Amino acid sequence: MLEMRVSKGFVKTETYGFLKQSVSQVMNILIEGQNEGVIRTDTDIYILRHLILGTLEHIVSAGC
């Protein structure tokens, strides 16, 4: 996964398109959570997005 992201050709792959769409969906969920009051409005959702995606990446790469 780590090697794939630094590859110059990665942005031209189907996987990149899927990843981009997935990140967008996570962001939409976080925005919806703020709008519904489930996530505090003073929470930086970009940092929260990085936290969620980083955790998922760690789980996948650690083989848990």
PDB file of N, CA and C in Angstrom:
ATOM      1  N   MET A   1       0.815  -1.185   0.000  1.00  0.00           N
ATOM      2  CA  MET A   1       0.000   0.000   0.000  1.00  0.00           C
ATOM      3  C   MET A   1       0.859   1.250   0.000  1.00  0.00           C
ATOM      4  N   LEU A   2       1.879   1.249   0.820  1.00  0.00           N
ATOM      5  CA  LEU A   2       2.739   2.429   0.911  1.00  0.00           C
ATOM      6  C   LEU A   2       3.499   2.667  -0.385  1.00  0.00           C
ATOM      7  N   GLU A   3       3.967   1.601  -1.009  1.00  0.00           N
ATOM      8  CA  GLU A   3       4.687   1.732  -2.277  1.00  0.00           C
ATOM      9  C   GLU A   3       3.764   2.216  -3.379  1.00  0.00           C
ATOM     10  N   MET A   4       2.544   1.761  -3.345  1.00  0.00           N
ATOM     11  CA  MET A   4       1.583   2.110  -4.380  1.00  0.00           C
ATOM     12  C   MET A   4       1.289   3.613  -4.371  1.00  0.00           C
ATOM     13  N   ARG A   5       1.155   4.203  -3.202  1.00  0.00           N
ATOM     14  CA  ARG A   5       0.802   5.619  -3.113  1.00  0.00           C
ATOM     15  C   ARG A   5       1.882   6.541  -3.655  1.00  0.00           C
ATOM     16  N   VAL A   6       3.135   6.153  -3.572  1.00  0.00           N
ATOM     17  CA  VAL A   6       4.207   7.025  -4.047  1.00  0.00           C
ATOM     18  C   VAL A   6       4.528   6.802  -5.525  1.00  0.00           C
ATOM     19  N   SER A   7       3.900   5.822  -6.137  1.00  0.00           N
ATOM     20  CA  SER A   7       4.110   5.551  -7.548  1.00  0.00           C
ATOM     21  C   SER A   7       3.451   6.644  -8.388  1.00  0.00           C
ATOM     22  N   LYS A   8       4.182   7.158  -9.370  1.00  0.00           N
ATOM     23  CA  LYS A   8       3.651   8.216 -10.230  1.00  0.00           C
ATOM     24  C   LYS A   8       2.449   7.741 -11.043  1.00  0.00           C
ATOM     25  N   GLY A   9       2.394   6.463 -11.373  1.00  0.00           N
ATOM     26  CA  GLY A   9       1.303   5.913 -12.156  1.00  0.00           C
ATOM     27  C   GLY A   9       0.054   5.585 -11.350  1.00  0.00           C
ATOM     28  N   PHE A  10       0.147   5.696 -10.039  1.00  0.00           N
ATOM     29  CA  PHE A  10      -0.973   5.320  -9.172  1.00  0.00           C
ATOM     30  C   PHE A  10      -2.225   6.143  -9.460  1.00  0.00           C
ATOM     31  N   VAL A  11      -2.064   7.427  -9.757  1.00  0.00           N
ATOM     32  CA  VAL A  11      -3.227   8.286  -9.986  1.00  0.00           C
ATOM     33  C   VAL A  11      -4.005   7.897 -11.245  1.00  0.00           C
ATOM     34  N   LYS A  12      -3.425   7.067 -12.074  1.00  0.00           N
ATOM     35  CA  LYS A  12      -4.093   6.632 -13.302  1.00  0.00           C
ATOM     36  C   LYS A  12      -4.787   5.276 -13.145  1.00  0.00           C
ATOM     37  N   THR A  13      -4.774   4.727 -11.946  1.00  0.00           N
ATOM     38  CA  THR A  13      -5.332   3.387 -11.729  1.00  0.00           C
ATOM     39  C   THR A  13      -6.771   3.451 -11.215  1.00  0.00           C
ATOM     40  N   GLU A  14      -7.456   2.330 -11.360  1.00  0.00           N
ATOM     41  CA  GLU A  14      -8.812   2.193 -10.817  1.00  0.00           C
ATOM     42  C   GLU A  14      -8.795   2.306  -9.294  1.00  0.00           C
ATOM     43  N   THR A  15      -7.757   1.785  -8.704  1.00  0.00           N
ATOM     44  CA  THR A  15      -7.640   1.813  -7.245  1.00  0.00           C
ATOM     45  C   THR A  15      -7.623   3.240  -6.741  1.00  0.00           C
ATOM     46  N   TYR A  16      -6.930   4.124  -7.440  1.00  0.00           N
ATOM     47  CA  TYR A  16      -6.875   5.524  -7.035  1.00  0.00           C
ATOM     48  C   TYR A  16      -8.274   6.140  -7.080  1.00  0.00           C
ATOM     49  N   GLY A  17      -9.017   5.849  -8.152  1.00  0.00           N
ATOM     50  CA  GLY A  17     -10.379   6.365  -8.263  1.00  0.00           C
ATOM     51  C   GLY A  17     -11.257   5.881  -7.128  1.00  0.00           C
ATOM     52  N   PHE A  18     -11.122   4.601  -6.789  1.00  0.00           N
ATOM     53  CA  PHE A  18     -11.888   4.037  -5.679  1.00  0.00           C
ATOM     54  C   PHE A  18     -11.484   4.692  -4.362  1.00  0.00           C
ATOM     55  N   LEU A  19     -10.184   4.872  -4.152  1.00  0.00           N
ATOM     56  CA  LEU A  19      -9.685   5.484  -2.927  1.00  0.00           C
ATOM     57  C   LEU A  19     -10.181   6.922  -2.795  1.00  0.00           C
ATOM     58  N   LYS A  20     -10.136   7.654  -3.885  1.00  0.00           N
ATOM     59  CA  LYS A  20     -10.598   9.043  -3.887  1.00  0.00           C
ATOM     60  C   LYS A  20     -12.090   9.116  -3.549  1.00  0.00           C
ATOM     61  N   GLN A  21     -12.868   8.215  -4.116  1.00  0.00           N
ATOM     62  CA  GLN A  21     -14.302   8.164  -3.839  1.00  0.00           C
ATOM     63  C   GLN A  21     -14.557   7.791  -2.371  1.00  0.00           C
ATOM     64  N   SER A  22     -13.787   6.868  -1.847  1.00  0.00           N
ATOM     65  CA  SER A  22     -13.943   6.437  -0.458  1.00  0.00           C
ATOM     66  C   SER A  22     -13.626   7.566   0.511  1.00  0.00           C
ATOM     67  N   VAL A  23     -12.569   8.298   0.230  1.00  0.00           N
ATOM     68  CA  VAL A  23     -12.189   9.426   1.085  1.00  0.00           C
ATOM     69  C   VAL A  23     -13.288  10.483   1.055  1.00  0.00           C
ATOM     70  N   SER A  24     -13.868  10.700  -0.096  1.00  0.00           N
ATOM     71  CA  SER A  24     -14.967  11.653  -0.231  1.00  0.00           C
ATOM     72  C   SER A  24     -16.180  11.205   0.585  1.00  0.00           C
ATOM     73  N   GLN A  25     -16.467   9.921   0.574  1.00  0.00           N
ATOM     74  CA  GLN A  25     -17.594   9.398   1.352  1.00  0.00           C
ATOM     75  C   GLN A  25     -17.359   9.565   2.848  1.00  0.00           C
ATOM     76  N   VAL A  26     -16.134   9.323   3.296  1.00  0.00           N
ATOM     77  CA  VAL A  26     -15.798   9.518   4.709  1.00  0.00           C
ATOM     78  C   VAL A  26     -16.023  10.974   5.085  1.00  0.00           C
ATOM     79  N   MET A  27     -15.586  11.886   4.231  1.00  0.00           N
ATOM     80  CA  MET A  27     -15.747  13.312   4.497  1.00  0.00           C
ATOM     81  C   MET A  27     -17.230  13.682   4.567  1.00  0.00           C
ATOM     82  N   ASN A  28     -18.030  13.144   3.654  1.00  0.00           N
ATOM     83  CA  ASN A  28     -19.470  13.422   3.666  1.00  0.00           C
ATOM     84  C   ASN A  28     -20.129  12.922   4.942  1.00  0.00           C
ATOM     85  N   ILE A  29     -19.697  11.760   5.416  1.00  0.00           N
ATOM     86  CA  ILE A  29     -20.236  11.207   6.661  1.00  0.00           C
ATOM     87  C   ILE A  29     -19.877  12.110   7.846  1.00  0.00           C
ATOM     88  N   LEU A  30     -18.652  12.611   7.867  1.00  0.00           N
ATOM     89  CA  LEU A  30     -18.224  13.489   8.957  1.00  0.00           C
ATOM     90  C   LEU A  30     -19.001  14.813   8.930  1.00  0.00           C
ATOM     91  N   ILE A  31     -19.209  15.353   7.749  1.00  0.00           N
ATOM     92  CA  ILE A  31     -19.986  16.593   7.619  1.00  0.00           C
ATOM     93  C   ILE A  31     -21.423  16.363   8.075  1.00  0.00           C
ATOM     94  N   GLU A  32     -21.989  15.243   7.669  1.00  0.00           N
ATOM     95  CA  GLU A  32     -23.344  14.899   8.093  1.00  0.00           C
ATOM     96  C   GLU A  32     -23.412  14.755   9.611  1.00  0.00           C
ATOM     97  N   GLY A  33     -22.386  14.149  10.183  1.00  0.00           N
ATOM     98  CA  GLY A  33     -22.326  14.004  11.639  1.00  0.00           C
ATOM     99  C   GLY A  33     -22.291  15.341  12.348  1.00  0.00           C
ATOM    100  N   GLN A  34     -21.554  16.287  11.798  1.00  0.00           N
ATOM    101  CA  GLN A  34     -21.528  17.626  12.387  1.00  0.00           C
ATOM    102  C   GLN A  34     -22.890  18.300  12.235  1.00  0.00           C
ATOM    103  N   ASN A  35     -23.493  18.174  11.065  1.00  0.00           N
ATOM    104  CA  ASN A  35     -24.803  18.792  10.831  1.00  0.00           C
ATOM    105  C   ASN A  35     -25.884  18.226  11.744  1.00  0.00           C
ATOM    106  N   GLU A  36     -25.775  16.947  12.090  1.00  0.00           N
ATOM    107  CA  GLU A  36     -26.758  16.301  12.967  1.00  0.00           C
ATOM    108  C   GLU A  36     -26.417  16.461  14.442  1.00  0.00           C
ATOM    109  N   GLY A  37     -25.267  17.040  14.743  1.00  0.00           N
ATOM    110  CA  GLY A  37     -24.884  17.249  16.132  1.00  0.00           C
ATOM    111  C   GLY A  37     -24.209  16.060  16.780  1.00  0.00           C
ATOM    112  N   VAL A  38     -23.898  15.025  15.993  1.00  0.00           N
ATOM    113  CA  VAL A  38     -23.218  13.843  16.528  1.00  0.00           C
ATOM    114  C   VAL A  38     -21.728  14.132  16.720  1.00  0.00           C
ATOM    115  N   ILE A  39     -21.174  14.955  15.845  1.00  0.00           N
ATOM    116  CA  ILE A  39     -19.772  15.389  15.937  1.00  0.00           C
ATOM    117  C   ILE A  39     -19.781  16.877  16.243  1.00  0.00           C
ATOM    118  N   ARG A  40     -19.029  17.274  17.223  1.00  0.00           N
ATOM    119  CA  ARG A  40     -18.986  18.683  17.610  1.00  0.00           C
ATOM    120  C   ARG A  40     -18.550  19.559  16.443  1.00  0.00           C
ATOM    121  N   THR A  41     -19.119  20.743  16.365  1.00  0.00           N
ATOM    122  CA  THR A  41     -18.802  21.659  15.260  1.00  0.00           C
ATOM    123  C   THR A  41     -17.417  22.272  15.388  1.00  0.00           C
ATOM    124  N   ASP A  42     -16.835  22.247  16.577  1.00  0.00           N
ATOM    125  CA  ASP A  42     -15.483  22.780  16.740  1.00  0.00           C
ATOM    126  C   ASP A  42     -14.406  21.717  16.478  1.00  0.00           C
ATOM    127  N   THR A  43     -14.828  20.536  16.041  1.00  0.00           N
ATOM    128  CA  THR A  43     -13.896  19.465  15.683  1.00  0.00           C
ATOM    129  C   THR A  43     -13.420  19.671  14.250  1.00  0.00           C
ATOM    130  N   ASP A  44     -12.126  19.621  14.042  1.00  0.00           N
ATOM    131  CA  ASP A  44     -11.566  19.737  12.693  1.00  0.00           C
ATOM    132  C   ASP A  44     -11.788  18.411  11.970  1.00  0.00           C
ATOM    133  N   ILE A  45     -12.740  18.405  11.037  1.00  0.00           N
ATOM    134  CA  ILE A  45     -13.093  17.143  10.387  1.00  0.00           C
ATOM    135  C   ILE A  45     -11.993  16.649   9.454  1.00  0.00           C
ATOM    136  N   TYR A  46     -11.096  17.528   9.033  1.00  0.00           N
ATOM    137  CA  TYR A  46      -9.976  17.083   8.201  1.00  0.00           C
ATOM    138  C   TYR A  46      -8.990  16.262   9.032  1.00  0.00           C
ATOM    139  N   ILE A  47      -8.760  16.705  10.255  1.00  0.00           N
ATOM    140  CA  ILE A  47      -7.895  15.933  11.160  1.00  0.00           C
ATOM    141  C   ILE A  47      -8.582  14.619  11.526  1.00  0.00           C
ATOM    142  N   LEU A  48      -9.879  14.675  11.768  1.00  0.00           N
ATOM    143  CA  LEU A  48     -10.636  13.465  12.086  1.00  0.00           C
ATOM    144  C   LEU A  48     -10.602  12.483  10.916  1.00  0.00           C
ATOM    145  N   ARG A  49     -10.709  13.009   9.695  1.00  0.00           N
ATOM    146  CA  ARG A  49     -10.620  12.149   8.500  1.00  0.00           C
ATOM    147  C   ARG A  49      -9.256  11.463   8.438  1.00  0.00           C
ATOM    148  N   HIS A  50      -8.182  12.212   8.692  1.00  0.00           N
ATOM    149  CA  HIS A  50      -6.841  11.618   8.686  1.00  0.00           C
ATOM    150  C   HIS A  50      -6.704  10.560   9.772  1.00  0.00           C
ATOM    151  N   LEU A  51      -7.299  10.808  10.917  1.00  0.00           N
ATOM    152  CA  LEU A  51      -7.256   9.848  12.017  1.00  0.00           C
ATOM    153  C   LEU A  51      -7.947   8.541  11.623  1.00  0.00           C
ATOM    154  N   ILE A  52      -9.118   8.645  11.037  1.00  0.00           N
ATOM    155  CA  ILE A  52      -9.873   7.457  10.634  1.00  0.00           C
ATOM    156  C   ILE A  52      -9.141   6.694   9.536  1.00  0.00           C
ATOM    157  N   LEU A  53      -8.723   7.401   8.490  1.00  0.00           N
ATOM    158  CA  LEU A  53      -8.057   6.733   7.370  1.00  0.00           C
ATOM    159  C   LEU A  53      -6.696   6.168   7.781  1.00  0.00           C
ATOM    160  N   GLY A  54      -5.977   6.878   8.634  1.00  0.00           N
ATOM    161  CA  GLY A  54      -4.694   6.383   9.124  1.00  0.00           C
ATOM    162  C   GLY A  54      -4.849   5.125   9.957  1.00  0.00           C
ATOM    163  N   THR A  55      -5.902   5.097  10.768  1.00  0.00           N
ATOM    164  CA  THR A  55      -6.182   3.910  11.575  1.00  0.00           C
ATOM    165  C   THR A  55      -6.501   2.712  10.682  1.00  0.00           C
ATOM    166  N   LEU A  56      -7.339   2.935   9.678  1.00  0.00           N
ATOM    167  CA  LEU A  56      -7.662   1.850   8.749  1.00  0.00           C
ATOM    168  C   LEU A  56      -6.426   1.366   8.003  1.00  0.00           C
ATOM    169  N   GLU A  57      -5.588   2.287   7.565  1.00  0.00           N
ATOM    170  CA  GLU A  57      -4.363   1.910   6.863  1.00  0.00           C
ATOM    171  C   GLU A  57      -3.443   1.092   7.761  1.00  0.00           C
ATOM    172  N   HIS A  58      -3.350   1.497   9.015  1.00  0.00           N
ATOM    173  CA  HIS A  58      -2.506   0.770   9.965  1.00  0.00           C
ATOM    174  C   HIS A  58      -3.032  -0.651  10.167  1.00  0.00           C
ATOM    175  N   ILE A  59      -4.328  -0.791  10.314  1.00  0.00           N
ATOM    176  CA  ILE A  59      -4.920  -2.115  10.513  1.00  0.00           C
ATOM    177  C   ILE A  59      -4.655  -3.010   9.303  1.00  0.00           C
ATOM    178  N   VAL A  60      -4.831  -2.461   8.111  1.00  0.00           N
ATOM    179  CA  VAL A  60      -4.616  -3.238   6.895  1.00  0.00           C
ATOM    180  C   VAL A  60      -3.148  -3.627   6.749  1.00  0.00           C
ATOM    181  N   SER A  61      -2.249  -2.674   6.973  1.00  0.00           N
ATOM    182  CA  SER A  61      -0.824  -2.960   6.777  1.00  0.00           C
ATOM    183  C   SER A  61      -0.227  -3.822   7.879  1.00  0.00           C
ATOM    184  N   ALA A  62      -0.852  -3.809   9.060  1.00  0.00           N
ATOM    185  CA  ALA A  62      -0.351  -4.620  10.171  1.00  0.00           C
ATOM    186  C   ALA A  62      -0.848  -6.056  10.061  1.00  0.00           C
ATOM    187  N   GLY A  63      -1.850  -6.287   9.212  1.00  0.00           N
ATOM    188  CA  GLY A  63      -2.363  -7.644   9.020  1.00  0.00           C
ATOM    189  C   GLY A  63      -3.230  -8.141  10.165  1.00  0.00           C
ATOM    190  N   CYS A  64      -3.856  -7.237  10.885  1.00  0.00           N
ATOM    191  CA  CYS A  64      -4.721  -7.649  12.014  1.00  0.00           C
ATOM    192  C   CYS A  64      -6.031  -8.204  11.542  1.00  0.00           C
TER     193      CYS A  64
END
